[in-house]
Structure formats: structure tokens, C-alpha cells
Amino acid sequence: HLRLVAKLANEQVLIVKVGPEATMANGETVTVSCAPNDCRAFPADAGTGGAIPKQGKTT
């Protein structure tokens, strides 16, 4: 796994594990989502429909 450091729209920094096939460039806008059971960064009730989508730019 690789670690992606992303800055969310609200300026919060989020570190995400991604697979080695990931090809994001510095400053590229990416969409980050995860299953609620796998998420440790947001409250469990923050998402709807089984996913917690967040969008930000890589740093």
C-alpha cells in the first residue's frame, strides 16, 4: 500500500492508503470513499447509503 496525503475542501488533511496501482498527480482532484466499517477518520453516522464520499486535492 501507498499513503496518499489529501487536503479536503475544508482544508483538513486526510491520509489514505491506496494500492500500488494508484497514479494520482500532485494537485489532482480525487474522490475518496470507503465502507463505514473501514473508516476511522469520520463518525460512523457521517455517510449515507453505505459510503462516506469526500473530495479533495492531493498534496
Protein backbone atom coordinates (compact mmCIF):
# COMPACT_ATOMS: atom_id res chain seq x y z
CA HIS A 1 0.00 0.00 0.00
CA LEU A 2 0.99 3.61 -0.56
CA ARG A 3 -0.10 6.57 1.53
CA LEU A 4 -1.86 9.46 -0.18
CA VAL A 5 -1.90 12.79 1.65
CA ALA A 6 -5.01 14.70 0.58
CA LYS A 7 -6.33 18.10 1.60
CA LEU A 8 -10.13 18.23 1.76
CA ALA A 9 -12.15 21.22 0.60
CA ASN A 10 -12.37 22.40 4.24
CA GLU A 11 -8.52 22.34 4.45
CA GLN A 12 -8.50 19.20 6.66
CA VAL A 13 -5.61 16.86 5.81
CA LEU A 14 -6.51 13.22 5.25
CA ILE A 15 -4.03 10.34 4.88
CA VAL A 16 -5.40 7.47 2.80
CA LYS A 17 -3.94 4.05 1.99
CA VAL A 18 -4.09 3.32 -1.74
CA GLY A 19 -2.96 0.37 -3.82
CA PRO A 20 0.35 0.43 -5.71
CA GLU A 21 -1.53 0.87 -9.00
CA ALA A 22 -2.69 4.39 -7.96
CA THR A 23 -1.50 7.14 -10.32
CA MET A 24 -2.63 10.44 -8.80
CA ALA A 25 -0.55 13.53 -9.57
CA ASN A 26 0.25 16.30 -7.08
CA GLY A 27 -2.67 18.76 -7.03
CA GLU A 28 -5.06 16.43 -8.87
CA THR A 29 -8.65 16.35 -7.60
CA VAL A 30 -9.59 12.88 -6.37
CA THR A 31 -12.68 11.30 -4.85
CA VAL A 32 -12.14 9.27 -1.68
CA SER A 33 -14.74 6.85 -0.35
CA CYS A 34 -14.81 3.88 2.00
CA ALA A 35 -17.15 1.48 3.72
CA PRO A 36 -18.26 2.79 7.15
CA ASN A 37 -16.71 -0.24 8.89
CA ASP A 38 -13.31 0.58 7.35
CA CYS A 39 -13.36 4.29 8.17
CA ARG A 40 -11.52 5.66 11.19
CA ALA A 41 -11.41 9.35 10.21
CA PHE A 42 -15.10 10.25 10.26
CA PRO A 43 -18.01 9.49 12.60
CA ALA A 44 -19.84 6.26 11.70
CA ASP A 45 -23.08 8.16 11.02
CA ALA A 46 -21.45 10.71 8.68
CA GLY A 47 -22.28 8.83 5.47
CA THR A 48 -25.44 7.69 3.79
CA GLY A 49 -26.07 4.69 1.61
CA GLY A 50 -23.11 2.69 2.93
CA ALA A 51 -20.32 5.01 1.76
CA ILE A 52 -18.72 8.20 3.01
CA PRO A 53 -17.62 10.19 -0.07
CA LYS A 54 -15.14 13.03 0.37
CA GLN A 55 -13.40 15.06 -2.30
CA GLY A 56 -10.11 16.89 -2.08
CA LYS A 57 -6.78 17.54 -3.79
CA THR A 58 -3.59 15.57 -3.35
CA THR A 59 -0.72 17.38 -1.66
